[in-house]
């Protein structure tokens, strides 16, 4: 009887554990970074272009942005900005028609403009950082670099301000008017209104009193 019991114990020890049995726990997956909610009021996305006779400022009224911090520093932040090209307004019906037409944004065939960050370059000033990313416009994607700074306002409110330039010809916008030459360089400016103290934990200093 003793020999049979010992043999049974040995066979059970050599058998693989059945599915559902206790096993060492797998390492926990990293929780995605916290998203900073951008307030519509106080935020803006616009472009600026110049020509022989005038300057054009176009404001995009419909856009959606996701801004995340994957750690406690801005160096590990990520941004995804989607813009409805049709929503651009210049204050002039004629200019709106030109900007939205096939010679420029061609909003009918390419309804979305998008910027997706690919990395962050550090800056000695904790209120500044540079974000690299890809701009997709008219179905063409090109790398751009956005310079950001954090503006600390009253009541601990913070604003994230960024700007970059691109060559319109790189995105197939080669048209020029006969007597009104349009500059090739287009400037984009963005401002995102952040909740009070949103970036304090990310290294941006709190406002001085």
C-alpha atoms as a PDB file:
ATOM      1  CA  UNK A   1       0.000   0.000   0.000  1.00  0.00           C
ATOM      2  CA  UNK A   2       2.814   2.364   0.872  1.00  0.00           C
ATOM      3  CA  UNK A   3       4.566   1.655  -2.453  1.00  0.00           C
ATOM      4  CA  UNK A   4       1.345   2.301  -4.429  1.00  0.00           C
ATOM      5  CA  UNK A   5       0.785   5.632  -2.624  1.00  0.00           C
ATOM      6  CA  UNK A   6       4.362   6.770  -3.310  1.00  0.00           C
ATOM      7  CA  UNK A   7       4.036   5.875  -7.005  1.00  0.00           C
ATOM      8  CA  UNK A   8       0.771   7.791  -7.259  1.00  0.00           C
ATOM      9  CA  UNK A   9       2.314  10.901  -5.694  1.00  0.00           C
ATOM     10  CA  UNK A  10       5.280  10.696  -8.064  1.00  0.00           C
ATOM     11  CA  UNK A  11       3.064  10.427 -11.150  1.00  0.00           C
ATOM     12  CA  UNK A  12       0.991  13.423 -10.062  1.00  0.00           C
ATOM     13  CA  UNK A  13       4.139  15.474  -9.534  1.00  0.00           C
ATOM     14  CA  UNK A  14       5.376  14.735 -13.067  1.00  0.00           C
ATOM     15  CA  UNK A  15       2.067  15.501 -14.806  1.00  0.00           C
ATOM     16  CA  UNK A  16       1.696  19.030 -16.285  1.00  0.00           C
ATOM     17  CA  UNK A  17      -0.621  21.339 -14.417  1.00  0.00           C
ATOM     18  CA  UNK A  18      -4.124  21.499 -15.912  1.00  0.00           C
ATOM     19  CA  UNK A  19      -5.532  24.723 -17.519  1.00  0.00           C
ATOM     20  CA  UNK A  20      -6.873  27.113 -14.917  1.00  0.00           C
ATOM     21  CA  UNK A  21      -4.467  26.066 -12.197  1.00  0.00           C
ATOM     22  CA  UNK A  22      -2.551  28.669 -10.231  1.00  0.00           C
ATOM     23  CA  UNK A  23       0.462  30.113 -12.080  1.00  0.00           C
ATOM     24  CA  UNK A  24       2.868  32.985 -11.505  1.00  0.00           C
ATOM     25  CA  UNK A  25       1.141  36.273 -12.284  1.00  0.00           C
ATOM     26  CA  UNK A  26       2.247  38.045 -15.479  1.00  0.00           C
ATOM     27  CA  UNK A  27       3.753  41.496 -15.104  1.00  0.00           C
ATOM     28  CA  UNK A  28       1.058  44.181 -15.093  1.00  0.00           C
ATOM     29  CA  UNK A  29       0.682  46.101 -18.344  1.00  0.00           C
ATOM     30  CA  UNK A  30       1.596  49.785 -18.238  1.00  0.00           C
ATOM     31  CA  UNK A  31      -1.497  51.926 -17.897  1.00  0.00           C
ATOM     32  CA  UNK A  32      -1.854  54.411 -20.798  1.00  0.00           C
ATOM     33  CA  UNK A  33      -0.889  57.984 -20.003  1.00  0.00           C
ATOM     34  CA  UNK A  34      -3.356  60.397 -18.515  1.00  0.00           C
ATOM     35  CA  UNK A  35      -5.211  62.569 -20.984  1.00  0.00           C
ATOM     36  CA  UNK A  36      -5.267  66.322 -20.492  1.00  0.00           C
ATOM     37  CA  UNK A  37      -8.699  67.682 -21.342  1.00  0.00           C
ATOM     38  CA  UNK A  38      -8.515  70.679 -23.685  1.00  0.00           C
ATOM     39  CA  UNK A  39     -11.151  73.362 -23.160  1.00  0.00           C
ATOM     40  CA  UNK A  40     -12.746  74.681 -26.369  1.00  0.00           C
ATOM     41  CA  UNK A  41     -13.188  78.151 -24.922  1.00  0.00           C
ATOM     42  CA  UNK A  42      -9.851  79.922 -25.018  1.00  0.00           C
ATOM     43  CA  UNK A  43      -8.361  77.504 -27.577  1.00  0.00           C
ATOM     44  CA  UNK A  44      -7.761  78.089 -31.276  1.00  0.00           C
ATOM     45  CA  UNK A  45      -6.196  76.552 -34.398  1.00  0.00           C
ATOM     46  CA  UNK A  46      -5.371  78.851 -37.297  1.00  0.00           C
ATOM     47  CA  UNK A  47      -3.062  79.396 -40.250  1.00  0.00           C
ATOM     48  CA  UNK A  48      -1.455  82.554 -41.582  1.00  0.00           C
ATOM     49  CA  UNK A  49      -0.441  83.176 -45.190  1.00  0.00           C
ATOM     50  CA  UNK A  50       0.781  86.270 -46.975  1.00  0.00           C
ATOM     51  CA  UNK A  51       0.524  87.425 -50.568  1.00  0.00           C
ATOM     52  CA  UNK A  52       1.512  90.448 -52.622  1.00  0.00           C
ATOM     53  CA  UNK A  53      -1.499  92.501 -51.611  1.00  0.00           C
ATOM     54  CA  UNK A  54      -2.856  90.955 -48.434  1.00  0.00           C
ATOM     55  CA  UNK A  55      -2.436  88.621 -45.498  1.00  0.00           C
ATOM     56  CA  UNK A  56      -4.828  85.755 -44.933  1.00  0.00           C
ATOM     57  CA  UNK A  57      -5.691  84.382 -41.501  1.00  0.00           C
ATOM     58  CA  UNK A  58      -7.806  81.235 -41.506  1.00  0.00           C
ATOM     59  CA  UNK A  59      -9.419  79.963 -38.317  1.00  0.00           C
ATOM     60  CA  UNK A  60     -10.510  76.316 -38.066  1.00  0.00           C
ATOM     61  CA  UNK A  61     -13.730  76.088 -36.098  1.00  0.00           C
ATOM     62  CA  UNK A  62     -14.013  72.291 -35.916  1.00  0.00           C
ATOM     63  CA  UNK A  63     -11.151  70.180 -34.567  1.00  0.00           C
ATOM     64  CA  UNK A  64     -10.435  67.458 -32.050  1.00  0.00           C
ATOM     65  CA  UNK A  65      -7.244  66.983 -30.056  1.00  0.00           C
ATOM     66  CA  UNK A  66      -5.889  64.267 -27.777  1.00  0.00           C
ATOM     67  CA  UNK A  67      -3.024  65.338 -25.516  1.00  0.00           C
ATOM     68  CA  UNK A  68      -1.503  62.741 -23.207  1.00  0.00           C
ATOM     69  CA  UNK A  69       1.264  62.576 -20.652  1.00  0.00           C
ATOM     70  CA  UNK A  70       2.788  59.113 -20.459  1.00  0.00           C
ATOM     71  CA  UNK A  71       4.940  59.998 -17.462  1.00  0.00           C
ATOM     72  CA  UNK A  72       5.547  62.947 -15.161  1.00  0.00           C
ATOM     73  CA  UNK A  73       7.495  64.901 -17.774  1.00  0.00           C
ATOM     74  CA  UNK A  74       6.581  66.727 -20.961  1.00  0.00           C
ATOM     75  CA  UNK A  75       9.349  64.758 -22.675  1.00  0.00           C
ATOM     76  CA  UNK A  76       7.012  61.780 -22.760  1.00  0.00           C
ATOM     77  CA  UNK A  77       3.914  63.597 -24.016  1.00  0.00           C
ATOM     78  CA  UNK A  78       1.906  62.803 -27.145  1.00  0.00           C
ATOM     79  CA  UNK A  79      -0.479  64.850 -29.274  1.00  0.00           C
ATOM     80  CA  UNK A  80      -2.967  63.932 -32.000  1.00  0.00           C
ATOM     81  CA  UNK A  81      -4.772  66.843 -33.674  1.00  0.00           C
ATOM     82  CA  UNK A  82      -7.537  66.277 -36.238  1.00  0.00           C
ATOM     83  CA  UNK A  83      -8.931  69.289 -38.112  1.00  0.00           C
ATOM     84  CA  UNK A  84     -12.034  69.497 -40.292  1.00  0.00           C
ATOM     85  CA  UNK A  85     -10.679  71.332 -43.344  1.00  0.00           C
ATOM     86  CA  UNK A  86     -14.162  72.499 -44.367  1.00  0.00           C
ATOM     87  CA  UNK A  87     -14.492  74.435 -41.092  1.00  0.00           C
ATOM     88  CA  UNK A  88     -11.895  77.074 -42.023  1.00  0.00           C
ATOM     89  CA  UNK A  89     -13.073  80.692 -42.068  1.00  0.00           C
ATOM     90  CA  UNK A  90     -11.085  83.720 -43.203  1.00  0.00           C
ATOM     91  CA  UNK A  91     -13.721  86.426 -42.755  1.00  0.00           C
ATOM     92  CA  UNK A  92     -14.157  86.702 -46.527  1.00  0.00           C
ATOM     93  CA  UNK A  93     -16.481  84.574 -48.645  1.00  0.00           C
ATOM     94  CA  UNK A  94     -14.173  84.893 -51.669  1.00  0.00           C
ATOM     95  CA  UNK A  95     -11.092  83.868 -49.687  1.00  0.00           C
ATOM     96  CA  UNK A  96     -12.979  80.967 -48.077  1.00  0.00           C
ATOM     97  CA  UNK A  97     -13.891  79.651 -51.523  1.00  0.00           C
ATOM     98  CA  UNK A  98     -10.287  79.909 -52.720  1.00  0.00           C
ATOM     99  CA  UNK A  99      -8.791  78.306 -49.610  1.00  0.00           C
ATOM    100  CA  UNK A 100     -11.258  75.405 -49.655  1.00  0.00           C
ATOM    101  CA  UNK A 101     -10.954  74.856 -53.407  1.00  0.00           C
ATOM    102  CA  UNK A 102      -8.819  72.414 -55.384  1.00  0.00           C
ATOM    103  CA  UNK A 103      -5.883  74.807 -55.668  1.00  0.00           C
ATOM    104  CA  UNK A 104      -5.371  74.839 -51.919  1.00  0.00           C
ATOM    105  CA  UNK A 105      -6.900  72.663 -49.163  1.00  0.00           C
ATOM    106  CA  UNK A 106      -9.243  70.832 -51.564  1.00  0.00           C
ATOM    107  CA  UNK A 107     -11.622  70.066 -48.710  1.00  0.00           C
ATOM    108  CA  UNK A 108     -13.991  68.028 -50.876  1.00  0.00           C
ATOM    109  CA  UNK A 109     -11.400  65.338 -51.648  1.00  0.00           C
ATOM    110  CA  UNK A 110      -9.369  65.712 -48.430  1.00  0.00           C
ATOM    111  CA  UNK A 111     -11.731  66.624 -45.582  1.00  0.00           C
ATOM    112  CA  UNK A 112      -9.248  66.087 -42.741  1.00  0.00           C
ATOM    113  CA  UNK A 113      -5.961  67.725 -41.793  1.00  0.00           C
ATOM    114  CA  UNK A 114      -4.024  65.853 -39.133  1.00  0.00           C
ATOM    115  CA  UNK A 115      -0.931  66.221 -36.988  1.00  0.00           C
ATOM    116  CA  UNK A 116       0.380  63.236 -35.032  1.00  0.00           C
ATOM    117  CA  UNK A 117       3.419  63.634 -32.794  1.00  0.00           C
ATOM    118  CA  UNK A 118       6.353  61.245 -33.059  1.00  0.00           C
ATOM    119  CA  UNK A 119       8.627  62.508 -30.287  1.00  0.00           C
ATOM    120  CA  UNK A 120       9.666  65.357 -28.013  1.00  0.00           C
ATOM    121  CA  UNK A 121      12.965  67.225 -27.931  1.00  0.00           C
ATOM    122  CA  UNK A 122      13.968  68.529 -24.484  1.00  0.00           C
ATOM    123  CA  UNK A 123      14.564  72.178 -23.658  1.00  0.00           C
ATOM    124  CA  UNK A 124      16.526  73.628 -20.728  1.00  0.00           C
ATOM    125  CA  UNK A 125      13.493  75.786 -19.970  1.00  0.00           C
ATOM    126  CA  UNK A 126      10.821  73.586 -18.342  1.00  0.00           C
ATOM    127  CA  UNK A 127       8.138  75.842 -19.829  1.00  0.00           C
ATOM    128  CA  UNK A 128       9.219  75.023 -23.383  1.00  0.00           C
ATOM    129  CA  UNK A 129       9.539  71.881 -25.479  1.00  0.00           C
ATOM    130  CA  UNK A 130       9.747  70.941 -29.158  1.00  0.00           C
ATOM    131  CA  UNK A 131       7.531  68.254 -30.608  1.00  0.00           C
ATOM    132  CA  UNK A 132       8.293  66.374 -33.812  1.00  0.00           C
ATOM    133  CA  UNK A 133       5.469  64.872 -35.805  1.00  0.00           C
ATOM    134  CA  UNK A 134       3.802  64.185 -39.123  1.00  0.00           C
ATOM    135  CA  UNK A 135       1.437  66.609 -40.830  1.00  0.00           C
ATOM    136  CA  UNK A 136      -1.056  65.117 -43.291  1.00  0.00           C
ATOM    137  CA  UNK A 137      -2.607  67.604 -45.697  1.00  0.00           C
ATOM    138  CA  UNK A 138      -4.274  66.902 -49.054  1.00  0.00           C
ATOM    139  CA  UNK A 139      -3.417  63.228 -48.555  1.00  0.00           C
ATOM    140  CA  UNK A 140       0.315  63.979 -48.331  1.00  0.00           C
ATOM    141  CA  UNK A 141       2.305  63.399 -45.135  1.00  0.00           C
ATOM    142  CA  UNK A 142       5.440  65.375 -44.285  1.00  0.00           C
ATOM    143  CA  UNK A 143       7.446  65.765 -41.044  1.00  0.00           C
ATOM    144  CA  UNK A 144       7.157  69.052 -39.153  1.00  0.00           C
ATOM    145  CA  UNK A 145       8.541  70.422 -35.901  1.00  0.00           C
ATOM    146  CA  UNK A 146       6.318  72.329 -33.479  1.00  0.00           C
ATOM    147  CA  UNK A 147       7.728  74.742 -30.897  1.00  0.00           C
ATOM    148  CA  UNK A 148       5.604  74.749 -27.731  1.00  0.00           C
ATOM    149  CA  UNK A 149       5.617  76.853 -24.607  1.00  0.00           C
ATOM    150  CA  UNK A 150       3.455  76.760 -21.506  1.00  0.00           C
ATOM    151  CA  UNK A 151       1.823  80.046 -20.564  1.00  0.00           C
ATOM    152  CA  UNK A 152       0.870  80.273 -16.895  1.00  0.00           C
ATOM    153  CA  UNK A 153      -2.071  82.614 -16.439  1.00  0.00           C
ATOM    154  CA  UNK A 154      -4.248  83.808 -13.567  1.00  0.00           C
ATOM    155  CA  UNK A 155      -6.042  81.369 -11.246  1.00  0.00           C
ATOM    156  CA  UNK A 156      -3.402  78.725 -12.137  1.00  0.00           C
ATOM    157  CA  UNK A 157      -4.889  78.339 -15.618  1.00  0.00           C
ATOM    158  CA  UNK A 158      -2.384  77.190 -18.242  1.00  0.00           C
ATOM    159  CA  UNK A 159      -2.277  77.545 -21.990  1.00  0.00           C
ATOM    160  CA  UNK A 160      -0.219  75.411 -24.355  1.00  0.00           C
ATOM    161  CA  UNK A 161       0.949  77.546 -27.289  1.00  0.00           C
ATOM    162  CA  UNK A 162       2.581  76.095 -30.389  1.00  0.00           C
ATOM    163  CA  UNK A 163       3.596  77.151 -33.875  1.00  0.00           C
ATOM    164  CA  UNK A 164       5.247  75.693 -36.943  1.00  0.00           C
ATOM    165  CA  UNK A 165       5.683  76.471 -40.631  1.00  0.00           C
ATOM    166  CA  UNK A 166       5.456  74.373 -43.768  1.00  0.00           C
ATOM    167  CA  UNK A 167       6.001  74.866 -47.488  1.00  0.00           C
ATOM    168  CA  UNK A 168       2.646  74.666 -49.253  1.00  0.00           C
ATOM    169  CA  UNK A 169       4.307  73.268 -52.380  1.00  0.00           C
ATOM    170  CA  UNK A 170       5.365  70.175 -50.402  1.00  0.00           C
ATOM    171  CA  UNK A 171       1.642  69.388 -50.141  1.00  0.00           C
ATOM    172  CA  UNK A 172       0.782  69.959 -53.792  1.00  0.00           C
ATOM    173  CA  UNK A 173      -0.418  73.561 -53.414  1.00  0.00           C
ATOM    174  CA  UNK A 174       1.536  75.095 -56.305  1.00  0.00           C
ATOM    175  CA  UNK A 175      -1.101  77.512 -57.632  1.00  0.00           C
ATOM    176  CA  UNK A 176      -0.451  81.242 -57.810  1.00  0.00           C
ATOM    177  CA  UNK A 177      -2.689  84.093 -58.904  1.00  0.00           C
ATOM    178  CA  UNK A 178      -1.604  86.213 -61.856  1.00  0.00           C
ATOM    179  CA  UNK A 179      -0.993  89.481 -59.997  1.00  0.00           C
ATOM    180  CA  UNK A 180      -1.133  88.341 -56.380  1.00  0.00           C
ATOM    181  CA  UNK A 181       1.728  86.004 -55.610  1.00  0.00           C
ATOM    182  CA  UNK A 182       1.153  83.830 -52.543  1.00  0.00           C
ATOM    183  CA  UNK A 183       4.118  83.071 -50.275  1.00  0.00           C
ATOM    184  CA  UNK A 184       5.203  79.440 -50.136  1.00  0.00           C
ATOM    185  CA  UNK A 185       5.669  79.429 -46.356  1.00  0.00           C
ATOM    186  CA  UNK A 186       2.513  78.948 -44.300  1.00  0.00           C
ATOM    187  CA  UNK A 187       2.522  79.488 -40.542  1.00  0.00           C
ATOM    188  CA  UNK A 188       0.274  77.501 -38.221  1.00  0.00           C
ATOM    189  CA  UNK A 189      -0.514  78.691 -34.697  1.00  0.00           C
ATOM    190  CA  UNK A 190      -2.345  76.716 -32.041  1.00  0.00           C
ATOM    191  CA  UNK A 191      -3.389  77.501 -28.492  1.00  0.00           C
ATOM    192  CA  UNK A 192      -4.912  74.952 -26.139  1.00  0.00           C
ATOM    193  CA  UNK A 193      -6.580  76.028 -22.916  1.00  0.00           C
ATOM    194  CA  UNK A 194      -5.632  73.586 -20.147  1.00  0.00           C
ATOM    195  CA  UNK A 195      -7.194  72.918 -16.746  1.00  0.00           C
ATOM    196  CA  UNK A 196      -5.638  74.679 -13.766  1.00  0.00           C
ATOM    197  CA  UNK A 197      -2.315  73.094 -12.832  1.00  0.00           C
ATOM    198  CA  UNK A 198      -2.570  70.427 -15.551  1.00  0.00           C
ATOM    199  CA  UNK A 199       1.151  70.478 -16.334  1.00  0.00           C
ATOM    200  CA  UNK A 200       2.527  71.164 -12.873  1.00  0.00           C
ATOM    201  CA  UNK A 201       3.335  67.479 -12.393  1.00  0.00           C
ATOM    202  CA  UNK A 202       4.995  67.417 -15.801  1.00  0.00           C
ATOM    203  CA  UNK A 203       7.737  69.809 -14.892  1.00  0.00           C
ATOM    204  CA  UNK A 204       6.143  73.107 -15.846  1.00  0.00           C
ATOM    205  CA  UNK A 205       6.663  75.498 -12.904  1.00  0.00           C
ATOM    206  CA  UNK A 206       3.671  76.879 -11.089  1.00  0.00           C
ATOM    207  CA  UNK A 207       2.905  80.561 -11.610  1.00  0.00           C
ATOM    208  CA  UNK A 208       4.591  82.936  -9.211  1.00  0.00           C
ATOM    209  CA  UNK A 209       2.388  85.088  -7.026  1.00  0.00           C
END
